[in-house]
Amino acid sequence: MSRPNILIFMVDQLNGTLFPDGPVDWLHVPNLRKLAARSTRFANGYTASPLCAPGRASFMSGQLPSATQVYDNAAEFTSSVPTYAHHLRRAGYQTCLSGKMHFVGPDQMHGFEERLTTDIYPADFGWTPDYRKPGERIDWWYHNMGSVTGAGVAEISNQMEYDDEVAYNATRKVYDLARGHDARPWCLTVSFTHPHDPYVARQKYWDLYEDCAHLMPEVGPIPYEEQDPHSQRIFDANDWRSFDLTDAMVQRARRAYFANISYLDDKIGEVLTALEATQQEATILFVSDHGDMLGERGLWYKMCFYEGSARVPIMVSAPQMAPGLVTAPVSNIDICPTLCDLAGVSMDEVMPWTTGESLVPLGQGQERTSPVAMEYAAEASYAPMVSLRYGRWKYNRCALDPDQLFDLEADPHELTNLAGDPAQAGTLASLRAKSEARWDLARFDAEVRISQARRWVVYEALRNGDYYPWDYQPLQKASERYMRNHMDLNTVEENQRFPRGD
């Protein structure tokens, strides 16, 4: 069969509530709006885990963190876990990554044949949380409120430099693919770090939101003592007592975040323009790893199951799927089986251990009733947390905390916990039974603690003496680029041109 080329755009920390049916109308994102018009759009997409590395390992493998053992931002993604890059490459695809995937450990490829950039975050175990020390803040890498108090305009930043490089390399790769030197179908993943904090944006994008009516959260700050226990842990982990946030700071942070979505839209547009100019056809996916609370309830960043943190945009433009809106809850762990389905690649050998389900049937008018599962066992948690989104309901469970039950249709901001409501006792019991059948929290906790303890030993050992980092070093074969004396100039000029001359 003829296998489609596949282009995946992944962004970082993009709040899915801003994509109820493609991007909301007040966002300045012409390229994403154009993509949405031809895509199956998933209004209720969720992350597998609201943190970068666990969410991304789950997205690539179709498995939850309890299966991948990528519990946090310093947990190794082992080489034996198949990803969509492995499945597609095994079936004859050339697979390439430009940008972030936050792989931790010595394997920095995970099925990709080629990586065009290094990662933006470290690949070692230095960011390992420690459940043995609940409440300990590790200042040099834990989030604090400095991203909010320092929000504003900059023409260059660490993250802009990275995403400029990601877009440049991805665009160059699209042109190279058009030259046709490799007859295999291709899968190119372009993964940006924006709009992840810090909330700093270029002036041209900042100016787009001068009169934005959405610069304050819909739900204002909730006093610390009225927050649920995990939200209190997030406040403590973010060192909130050391900062005095004003409305002006909140507005500037949200404005920069929205501006960076527009910045991303331009970067995605650069890649799509190259694709169109070279007349290449491709199935296109757009997804995020997790969301951002953006000040709702007084919370920022992610690390919780509230909608702002857990919801992600998911859009798929493929001939096999009809453009339109799907409201059934889905997950970014569904991306791996979806890609294989679209490419006609079997996952039968690993499906017994894969949690994700293909989204293709939903893009063909079929329904899904199975719950969406989420897990969290990283910084700001003291024990693993799990969640089920089932129809209109969201049920959250942690051994340390009271249960949470929210009716998202009646209460989209999750302000009323119905776990203690006698009228919902049946719903609570049903969802608790589903959760207990899926998760043994005591075993989950023990496995996380074993992983953390082992990694602390290894990290400290490897930092003693000469240190060889696992960070990916992109290989530039300078002697095979442009024109060199072992090449025929006429052949180079003809072969590197698209379209070919007469």
Protein backbone atom coordinates (compact mmCIF):
# COMPACT_ATOMS: atom_id res chain seq x y z
CA MET A 1 0.00 0.00 0.00
CA SER A 2 1.00 3.62 -0.47
CA ARG A 3 1.90 5.07 2.94
CA PRO A 4 1.28 8.78 3.61
CA ASN A 5 3.96 11.24 4.62
CA ILE A 6 3.31 12.45 8.17
CA LEU A 7 4.07 15.86 9.68
CA ILE A 8 3.59 16.24 13.45
CA PHE A 9 3.60 19.60 15.20
CA MET A 10 4.01 19.32 18.96
CA VAL A 11 3.96 22.37 21.21
CA ASP A 12 4.68 22.67 24.91
CA GLN A 13 2.26 23.63 27.66
CA LEU A 14 -0.57 24.81 25.41
CA ASN A 15 -3.85 25.05 27.32
CA GLY A 16 -6.44 22.94 25.50
CA THR A 17 -9.36 25.01 26.74
CA LEU A 18 -8.21 27.61 24.19
CA PHE A 19 -9.07 25.06 21.47
CA PRO A 20 -12.74 24.15 22.02
CA ASP A 21 -13.19 23.80 18.23
CA GLY A 22 -9.88 24.82 16.77
CA PRO A 23 -8.33 28.00 18.23
CA VAL A 24 -10.69 30.45 19.96
CA ASP A 25 -11.67 33.34 17.72
CA TRP A 26 -9.64 36.01 19.58
CA LEU A 27 -6.26 34.26 19.12
CA HIS A 28 -4.18 35.66 16.24
CA VAL A 29 -3.25 32.33 14.62
CA PRO A 30 -4.06 32.29 10.88
CA ASN A 31 -2.00 29.17 10.13
CA LEU A 32 -3.53 27.09 12.92
CA ARG A 33 -6.98 28.34 11.97
CA LYS A 34 -6.39 27.20 8.40
CA LEU A 35 -5.17 23.82 9.62
CA ALA A 36 -8.18 23.48 11.93
CA ALA A 37 -10.59 24.02 9.04
CA ARG A 38 -9.34 20.86 7.34
CA SER A 39 -8.84 18.79 10.51
CA THR A 40 -10.75 16.49 12.79
CA ARG A 41 -10.72 18.59 15.96
CA PHE A 42 -10.90 17.03 19.42
CA ALA A 43 -12.50 19.39 21.91
CA ASN A 44 -11.73 17.25 24.95
CA GLY A 45 -8.16 16.09 24.47
CA TYR A 46 -6.15 15.26 27.60
CA THR A 47 -2.56 14.63 28.51
CA ALA A 48 -1.50 11.28 29.94
CA SER A 49 0.42 13.19 32.62
CA PRO A 50 0.56 16.98 33.15
CA LEU A 51 4.35 17.34 32.94
CA CYS A 52 6.77 17.45 30.01
CA ALA A 53 8.80 14.22 30.05
CA PRO A 54 6.05 11.84 31.27
CA GLY A 55 3.50 13.39 28.93
CA ARG A 56 5.84 13.10 25.94
CA ALA A 57 6.95 9.53 26.62
CA SER A 58 3.28 8.56 26.84
CA PHE A 59 2.46 10.47 23.66
CA MET A 60 5.21 8.65 21.78
CA SER A 61 4.49 5.16 23.15
CA GLY A 62 0.74 5.09 23.72
CA GLN A 63 1.32 4.03 27.34
CA LEU A 64 0.78 5.70 30.70
CA PRO A 65 3.73 6.67 32.94
CA SER A 66 3.11 3.66 35.20
CA ALA A 67 3.94 1.51 32.15
CA THR A 68 6.79 3.55 30.65
CA GLN A 69 8.20 4.32 34.15
CA VAL A 70 8.76 7.90 32.98
CA TYR A 71 7.22 9.31 36.14
CA ASP A 72 8.83 12.76 36.14
CA ASN A 73 11.19 15.08 34.26
CA ALA A 74 14.28 13.05 35.23
CA ALA A 75 13.02 9.50 34.71
CA GLU A 76 14.73 7.40 32.05
CA PHE A 77 12.74 6.53 28.93
CA THR A 78 14.11 3.03 28.35
CA SER A 79 15.17 1.89 24.89
CA SER A 80 12.94 -1.19 24.97
CA VAL A 81 9.68 0.79 24.88
CA PRO A 82 8.46 1.05 21.25
CA THR A 83 7.37 4.51 20.07
CA TYR A 84 5.54 5.63 16.96
CA ALA A 85 8.98 6.36 15.50
CA HIS A 86 9.92 2.70 15.96
CA HIS A 87 6.67 1.39 14.52
CA LEU A 88 6.84 3.63 11.45
CA ARG A 89 10.55 3.14 10.89
CA ARG A 90 10.12 -0.64 11.11
CA ALA A 91 7.48 -0.35 8.38
CA GLY A 92 9.84 1.51 6.06
CA TYR A 93 9.50 5.17 7.06
CA GLN A 94 12.33 7.63 7.43
CA THR A 95 11.78 9.27 10.83
CA CYS A 96 13.15 12.63 11.89
CA LEU A 97 12.82 14.92 14.93
CA SER A 98 13.46 18.64 15.01
CA GLY A 99 13.09 20.00 18.52
CA LYS A 100 12.19 19.01 22.04
CA MET A 101 11.09 15.59 23.27
CA HIS A 102 12.71 15.65 26.73
CA PHE A 103 14.26 12.20 26.50
CA VAL A 104 16.05 11.30 29.73
CA GLY A 105 18.80 8.68 29.59
CA PRO A 106 21.51 7.61 27.15
CA ASP A 107 19.05 6.74 24.35
CA GLN A 108 18.36 10.10 22.73
CA MET A 109 16.72 8.75 19.57
CA HIS A 110 13.87 6.36 20.53
CA GLY A 111 13.24 5.29 16.98
CA PHE A 112 14.10 8.52 15.19
CA GLU A 113 16.62 7.96 12.43
CA GLU A 114 17.72 11.57 12.54
CA ARG A 115 17.63 14.41 15.06
CA LEU A 116 18.23 17.92 13.77
CA THR A 117 18.65 19.75 17.09
CA THR A 118 19.68 19.02 20.63
CA ASP A 119 17.05 19.15 23.36
CA ILE A 120 16.34 22.24 25.41
CA TYR A 121 16.39 20.37 28.75
CA PRO A 122 19.00 18.12 30.39
CA ALA A 123 19.00 14.39 29.68
CA ASP A 124 20.34 13.23 33.05
CA PHE A 125 18.76 12.43 36.44
CA GLY A 126 19.39 15.82 38.04
CA TRP A 127 15.73 16.84 38.24
CA THR A 128 14.62 13.76 40.20
CA PRO A 129 11.98 14.43 42.91
CA ASP A 130 12.27 12.60 46.22
CA TYR A 131 9.19 11.24 47.98
CA ARG A 132 11.42 10.57 51.01
CA LYS A 133 11.59 14.35 51.55
CA PRO A 134 8.02 15.66 51.16
CA GLY A 135 7.90 19.42 50.85
CA GLU A 136 11.57 19.86 49.94
CA ARG A 137 12.11 22.53 47.28
CA ILE A 138 15.04 22.14 44.90
CA ASP A 139 15.53 25.81 44.08
CA TRP A 140 17.74 25.49 41.03
CA TRP A 141 15.13 23.71 38.92
CA TYR A 142 11.73 23.92 40.63
CA HIS A 143 9.28 26.41 39.19
CA ASN A 144 8.65 29.60 41.14
CA MET A 145 6.59 32.69 40.40
CA GLY A 146 9.49 34.53 38.76
CA SER A 147 8.12 33.72 35.31
CA VAL A 148 4.97 35.66 36.24
CA THR A 149 6.58 38.61 38.00
CA GLY A 150 9.17 38.93 35.22
CA ALA A 151 6.76 38.60 32.28
CA GLY A 152 7.05 41.03 29.40
CA VAL A 153 8.78 41.81 26.11
CA ALA A 154 12.12 40.54 24.81
CA GLU A 155 13.44 40.17 21.29
CA ILE A 156 15.46 37.08 22.14
CA SER A 157 15.41 34.55 24.96
CA ASN A 158 16.71 31.06 25.60
CA GLN A 159 13.46 29.58 24.33
CA MET A 160 13.11 31.84 21.30
CA GLU A 161 16.62 30.93 20.23
CA TYR A 162 15.63 27.26 20.51
CA ASP A 163 12.35 27.47 18.62
CA ASP A 164 13.88 29.65 15.89
CA GLU A 165 16.40 26.83 15.42
CA VAL A 166 13.68 24.15 15.47
CA ALA A 167 11.69 25.90 12.75
CA TYR A 168 14.76 26.62 10.62
CA ASN A 169 15.92 23.00 10.70
CA ALA A 170 12.43 21.64 10.10
CA THR A 171 11.92 23.93 7.11
CA ARG A 172 15.29 22.96 5.69
CA LYS A 173 14.37 19.29 6.15
CA VAL A 174 11.07 19.73 4.30
CA TYR A 175 12.97 21.18 1.34
CA ASP A 176 15.47 18.33 1.51
CA LEU A 177 12.69 15.72 1.54
CA ALA A 178 11.29 17.26 -1.63
CA ARG A 179 14.55 16.55 -3.48
CA GLY A 180 13.58 12.88 -3.47
CA HIS A 181 16.97 11.40 -2.59
CA ASP A 182 15.17 8.89 -0.35
CA ALA A 183 12.15 7.15 -1.82
CA ARG A 184 10.75 6.07 1.55
CA PRO A 185 7.71 7.82 3.04
CA TRP A 186 8.63 10.18 5.82
CA CYS A 187 7.50 11.14 9.30
CA LEU A 188 8.82 14.51 10.49
CA THR A 189 8.13 15.60 14.09
CA VAL A 190 8.56 19.32 14.75
CA SER A 191 8.44 19.95 18.48
CA PHE A 192 8.56 23.46 19.94
CA THR A 193 9.11 24.60 23.53
CA HIS A 194 6.70 27.56 23.42
CA PRO A 195 4.33 28.74 24.83
CA HIS A 196 5.93 27.15 27.94
CA ASP A 197 7.00 29.76 30.49
CA PRO A 198 8.92 32.02 30.99
CA TYR A 199 6.24 34.39 29.76
CA VAL A 200 8.42 36.52 27.49
CA ALA A 201 7.42 37.49 23.93
CA ARG A 202 8.67 39.50 20.99
CA GLN A 203 7.18 42.96 20.57
CA LYS A 204 5.41 42.19 17.27
CA TYR A 205 3.42 39.40 18.91
CA TRP A 206 2.96 41.24 22.21
CA ASP A 207 1.33 44.11 20.33
CA LEU A 208 -1.35 41.78 18.91
CA TYR A 209 -2.92 41.46 22.37
CA GLU A 210 -2.91 45.08 23.54
CA ASP A 211 -6.70 45.19 23.72
CA CYS A 212 -7.26 41.52 24.55
CA ALA A 213 -10.32 40.99 26.74
CA HIS A 214 -8.93 37.77 28.25
CA LEU A 215 -5.93 38.98 30.23
CA MET A 216 -7.43 38.05 33.59
CA PRO A 217 -8.39 34.50 34.61
CA GLU A 218 -12.09 33.60 34.70
CA VAL A 219 -11.66 32.10 38.18
CA GLY A 220 -9.69 34.34 40.50
CA PRO A 221 -7.23 33.26 43.19
CA ILE A 222 -8.58 30.89 45.82
CA PRO A 223 -7.08 31.42 49.30
CA TYR A 224 -4.43 28.87 50.21
CA GLU A 225 -6.39 27.44 53.11
CA GLU A 226 -9.42 26.86 50.84
CA GLN A 227 -7.43 25.04 48.14
CA ASP A 228 -7.47 21.25 47.88
CA PRO A 229 -4.40 19.52 49.39
CA HIS A 230 -2.59 18.97 46.08
CA SER A 231 -3.09 22.58 44.99
CA GLN A 232 -1.58 23.61 48.32
CA ARG A 233 1.41 21.40 47.53
CA ILE A 234 1.76 23.12 44.15
CA PHE A 235 1.67 26.55 45.83
CA ASP A 236 4.40 25.42 48.22
CA ALA A 237 6.51 23.89 45.43
CA ASN A 238 6.21 27.14 43.47
CA ASP A 239 7.40 29.16 46.50
CA TRP A 240 4.36 31.41 46.27
CA ARG A 241 4.96 33.03 49.67
CA SER A 242 8.12 34.71 48.32
CA PHE A 243 6.16 36.60 45.64
CA ASP A 244 3.45 39.23 45.70
CA LEU A 245 1.54 38.92 42.44
CA THR A 246 -0.42 41.92 41.19
CA ASP A 247 -3.17 41.98 38.58
CA ALA A 248 -0.77 43.79 36.25
CA MET A 249 1.75 40.94 36.53
CA VAL A 250 -0.95 38.36 35.83
CA GLN A 251 -2.11 40.31 32.78
CA ARG A 252 1.42 40.62 31.44
CA ALA A 253 2.10 36.91 31.90
CA ARG A 254 -1.11 35.87 30.13
CA ARG A 255 -0.52 38.44 27.37
CA ALA A 256 2.96 37.07 26.73
CA TYR A 257 1.58 33.51 26.71
CA PHE A 258 -1.02 34.42 24.09
CA ALA A 259 1.65 36.31 22.13
CA ASN A 260 3.82 33.20 22.08
CA ILE A 261 0.97 31.17 20.62
CA SER A 262 1.02 33.67 17.74
CA TYR A 263 4.81 33.33 17.54
CA LEU A 264 4.34 29.56 17.24
CA ASP A 265 1.75 30.08 14.54
CA ASP A 266 4.35 31.93 12.47
CA LYS A 267 6.90 29.15 13.02
CA ILE A 268 4.39 26.49 12.00
CA GLY A 269 3.51 28.64 9.01
CA GLU A 270 7.15 28.60 7.88
CA VAL A 271 7.15 24.81 7.78
CA LEU A 272 3.75 24.58 6.10
CA THR A 273 4.80 27.14 3.48
CA ALA A 274 7.81 24.97 2.58
CA LEU A 275 5.54 21.91 2.37
CA GLU A 276 3.12 23.69 0.04
CA ALA A 277 5.89 25.24 -2.08
CA THR A 278 7.39 21.81 -2.70
CA GLN A 279 3.98 20.30 -3.52
CA GLN A 280 4.36 17.52 -0.96
CA GLU A 281 1.28 15.85 0.48
CA ALA A 282 1.26 14.94 4.17
CA THR A 283 -1.06 13.93 6.95
CA ILE A 284 -0.67 16.63 9.63
CA LEU A 285 -1.16 16.36 13.39
CA PHE A 286 -1.11 19.16 15.96
CA VAL A 287 -0.87 18.37 19.67
CA SER A 288 0.53 19.56 23.00
CA ASP A 289 2.10 17.63 25.86
CA HIS A 290 -0.01 19.31 28.60
CA GLY A 291 -1.60 22.65 29.43
CA ASP A 292 -1.01 25.67 31.68
CA MET A 293 -3.31 26.92 34.46
CA LEU A 294 -2.48 30.56 33.55
CA GLY A 295 -3.51 31.92 36.93
CA GLU A 296 -6.89 30.18 37.13
CA ARG A 297 -7.64 29.55 40.84
CA GLY A 298 -4.28 31.25 41.49
CA LEU A 299 -2.44 28.27 39.99
CA TRP A 300 0.21 28.47 37.28
CA TYR A 301 2.01 26.03 35.02
CA LYS A 302 0.76 22.42 35.23
CA MET A 303 1.20 19.46 37.66
CA CYS A 304 -2.52 18.93 38.36
CA PHE A 305 -5.64 17.43 36.78
CA TYR A 306 -7.63 20.67 36.51
CA GLU A 307 -8.71 21.43 32.96
CA GLY A 308 -6.21 24.20 32.26
CA SER A 309 -3.32 21.89 33.12
CA ALA A 310 -4.68 18.60 31.78
CA ARG A 311 -6.48 19.60 28.57
CA VAL A 312 -4.51 19.69 25.31
CA PRO A 313 -5.40 20.61 21.72
CA ILE A 314 -5.48 17.71 19.27
CA MET A 315 -6.13 18.22 15.54
CA VAL A 316 -5.63 15.66 12.75
CA SER A 317 -5.72 16.50 9.05
CA ALA A 318 -5.85 13.21 7.16
CA PRO A 319 -7.75 11.89 4.11
CA GLN A 320 -9.18 9.04 6.21
CA MET A 321 -10.75 11.46 8.74
CA ALA A 322 -13.46 14.02 8.09
CA PRO A 323 -12.98 17.65 9.14
CA GLY A 324 -15.21 18.54 12.07
CA LEU A 325 -15.57 18.51 15.82
CA VAL A 326 -15.40 15.45 18.07
CA THR A 327 -16.46 16.01 21.69
CA ALA A 328 -15.69 12.54 23.12
CA PRO A 329 -12.80 12.65 25.62
CA VAL A 330 -9.51 11.44 24.09
CA SER A 331 -5.84 11.49 25.07
CA ASN A 332 -2.46 12.29 23.58
CA ILE A 333 -1.57 8.62 24.23
CA ASP A 334 -3.98 7.95 21.38
CA ILE A 335 -1.55 9.58 18.93
CA CYS A 336 0.78 6.58 18.60
CA PRO A 337 -1.95 4.09 17.58
CA THR A 338 -3.57 6.79 15.43
CA LEU A 339 -0.37 7.33 13.45
CA CYS A 340 0.04 3.61 12.93
CA ASP A 341 -3.60 3.30 11.85
CA LEU A 342 -3.24 6.16 9.35
CA ALA A 343 -0.05 4.59 7.96
CA GLY A 344 -1.45 1.06 7.80
CA VAL A 345 1.12 -0.17 10.31
CA SER A 346 0.19 -2.97 12.72
CA MET A 347 0.74 -2.57 16.47
CA ASP A 348 -0.71 -6.02 17.23
CA GLU A 349 2.47 -7.28 18.88
CA VAL A 350 2.37 -4.59 21.59
CA MET A 351 -1.32 -3.66 21.75
CA PRO A 352 -1.96 -5.84 24.83
CA TRP A 353 0.27 -3.42 26.77
CA THR A 354 -0.78 -0.20 25.02
CA THR A 355 -3.40 2.03 26.62
CA GLY A 356 -4.01 4.37 23.70
CA GLU A 357 -6.72 3.88 21.08
CA SER A 358 -6.75 5.04 17.46
CA LEU A 359 -8.62 8.28 16.82
CA VAL A 360 -9.32 7.36 13.19
CA PRO A 361 -12.75 5.79 13.89
CA LEU A 362 -13.84 8.97 15.70
CA GLY A 363 -12.93 10.95 12.58
CA GLN A 364 -15.23 8.62 10.64
CA GLY A 365 -18.31 9.23 12.77
CA GLN A 366 -17.93 6.36 15.25
CA GLU A 367 -18.28 6.79 19.01
CA ARG A 368 -16.07 6.00 21.96
CA THR A 369 -17.22 5.40 25.51
CA SER A 370 -14.04 4.22 27.25
CA PRO A 371 -12.62 6.55 29.94
CA VAL A 372 -9.50 8.64 29.51
CA ALA A 373 -6.85 7.95 32.14
CA MET A 374 -4.24 10.31 33.59
CA GLU A 375 -1.45 9.87 36.10
CA TYR A 376 0.86 12.21 37.99
CA ALA A 377 3.81 11.22 40.20
CA ALA A 378 6.30 14.09 39.94
CA GLU A 379 7.26 17.33 41.66
CA ALA A 380 4.66 18.83 44.02
CA SER A 381 3.17 15.37 44.60
CA TYR A 382 3.96 13.29 47.67
CA ALA A 383 2.33 10.14 46.28
CA PRO A 384 0.96 9.12 42.87
CA MET A 385 -2.31 10.68 41.72
CA VAL A 386 -4.67 9.19 39.13
CA SER A 387 -7.68 10.48 37.23
CA LEU A 388 -10.45 9.21 34.96
CA ARG A 389 -12.40 11.38 32.54
CA TYR A 390 -15.57 9.40 31.80
CA GLY A 391 -18.34 11.12 29.87
CA ARG A 392 -19.22 14.29 31.74
CA TRP A 393 -17.35 13.20 34.87
CA LYS A 394 -13.81 13.59 36.14
CA TYR A 395 -12.76 11.49 39.12
CA ASN A 396 -9.42 12.11 40.86
CA ARG A 397 -7.87 9.79 43.46
CA CYS A 398 -4.75 9.91 45.63
CA ALA A 399 -3.96 7.90 48.74
CA LEU A 400 -3.14 11.11 50.62
CA ASP A 401 -6.18 13.18 49.66
CA PRO A 402 -9.98 13.13 49.67
CA ASP A 403 -11.52 11.96 46.39
CA GLN A 404 -12.57 14.57 43.84
CA LEU A 405 -15.57 14.24 41.53
CA PHE A 406 -16.51 16.96 39.07
CA ASP A 407 -19.40 17.27 36.65
CA LEU A 408 -17.67 19.07 33.78
CA GLU A 409 -20.88 19.81 31.90
CA ALA A 410 -22.52 21.60 34.83
CA ASP A 411 -19.28 22.84 36.42
CA PRO A 412 -16.60 23.40 33.73
CA HIS A 413 -14.37 25.33 36.18
CA GLU A 414 -14.38 22.42 38.68
CA LEU A 415 -15.45 24.54 41.61
CA THR A 416 -17.78 22.01 43.26
CA ASN A 417 -16.39 18.69 44.44
CA LEU A 418 -19.32 16.26 44.36
CA ALA A 419 -17.49 13.37 46.04
CA GLY A 420 -19.39 14.04 49.27
CA ASP A 421 -22.77 14.65 47.62
CA PRO A 422 -25.20 11.80 48.52
CA ALA A 423 -26.97 12.35 45.20
CA GLN A 424 -23.77 11.30 43.38
CA ALA A 425 -22.87 8.35 45.61
CA GLY A 426 -23.60 5.89 42.81
CA THR A 427 -21.47 7.76 40.29
CA LEU A 428 -18.64 8.02 42.81
CA ALA A 429 -18.77 4.31 43.64
CA SER A 430 -18.79 3.34 39.96
CA LEU A 431 -15.82 5.54 39.08
CA ARG A 432 -13.91 4.50 42.19
CA ALA A 433 -14.37 0.86 41.19
CA LYS A 434 -13.08 1.60 37.68
CA SER A 435 -10.09 3.42 39.16
CA GLU A 436 -9.29 0.68 41.66
CA ALA A 437 -9.51 -1.96 38.93
CA ARG A 438 -6.96 -0.01 36.88
CA TRP A 439 -4.54 1.16 39.59
CA ASP A 440 -3.02 -0.31 42.74
CA LEU A 441 -1.89 2.96 44.32
CA ALA A 442 0.28 1.30 46.96
CA ARG A 443 2.19 -0.60 44.30
CA PHE A 444 2.42 2.51 42.10
CA ASP A 445 3.87 4.47 45.04
CA ALA A 446 6.45 1.77 45.79
CA GLU A 447 7.59 1.65 42.14
CA VAL A 448 8.01 5.42 42.00
CA ARG A 449 10.04 5.44 45.23
CA ILE A 450 12.32 2.67 43.97
CA SER A 451 12.92 4.59 40.73
CA GLN A 452 13.65 7.86 42.54
CA ALA A 453 16.08 6.28 45.03
CA ARG A 454 18.01 4.47 42.31
CA ARG A 455 18.32 7.61 40.20
CA TRP A 456 19.63 9.71 43.08
CA VAL A 457 22.41 7.17 43.62
CA VAL A 458 23.32 7.06 39.92
CA TYR A 459 23.20 10.84 39.46
CA GLU A 460 25.45 11.56 42.42
CA ALA A 461 27.88 8.82 41.37
CA LEU A 462 28.18 10.09 37.79
CA ARG A 463 28.79 13.64 39.00
CA ASN A 464 31.84 12.48 40.95
CA GLY A 465 34.86 12.72 38.66
CA ASP A 466 34.84 13.06 34.89
CA TYR A 467 31.29 13.52 33.60
CA TYR A 468 30.11 12.51 30.13
CA PRO A 469 26.66 14.00 29.47
CA TRP A 470 23.84 12.19 27.70
CA ASP A 471 22.66 15.39 25.97
CA TYR A 472 22.18 14.84 22.26
CA GLN A 473 24.94 16.31 20.08
CA PRO A 474 23.59 16.97 16.55
CA LEU A 475 25.99 15.71 13.92
CA GLN A 476 26.85 18.18 11.19
CA LYS A 477 28.53 16.38 8.28
CA ALA A 478 30.18 19.47 6.87
CA SER A 479 32.17 17.49 4.30
CA GLU A 480 28.94 16.14 2.80
CA ARG A 481 27.14 19.50 2.52
CA TYR A 482 27.00 22.06 -0.25
CA MET A 483 29.94 21.52 -2.67
CA ARG A 484 33.11 19.51 -1.92
CA ASN A 485 35.91 18.20 -4.16
CA HIS A 486 34.74 14.59 -4.11
CA MET A 487 31.49 15.77 -5.74
CA ASP A 488 30.60 16.67 -9.30
CA LEU A 489 29.45 20.29 -9.33
CA ASN A 490 26.96 19.72 -12.14
CA THR A 491 25.41 16.76 -10.32
CA VAL A 492 25.20 18.67 -7.04
CA GLU A 493 23.48 21.65 -8.61
CA GLU A 494 20.95 19.45 -10.39
CA ASN A 495 20.23 17.05 -7.52
CA GLN A 496 19.85 19.72 -4.88
CA ARG A 497 17.34 21.74 -6.89
CA PHE A 498 13.59 21.43 -6.54
CA PRO A 499 11.91 21.31 -8.91
CA ARG A 500 14.50 19.96 -11.33
CA GLY A 501 15.56 22.02 -14.30
CA ASP A 502 14.44 21.18 -17.87
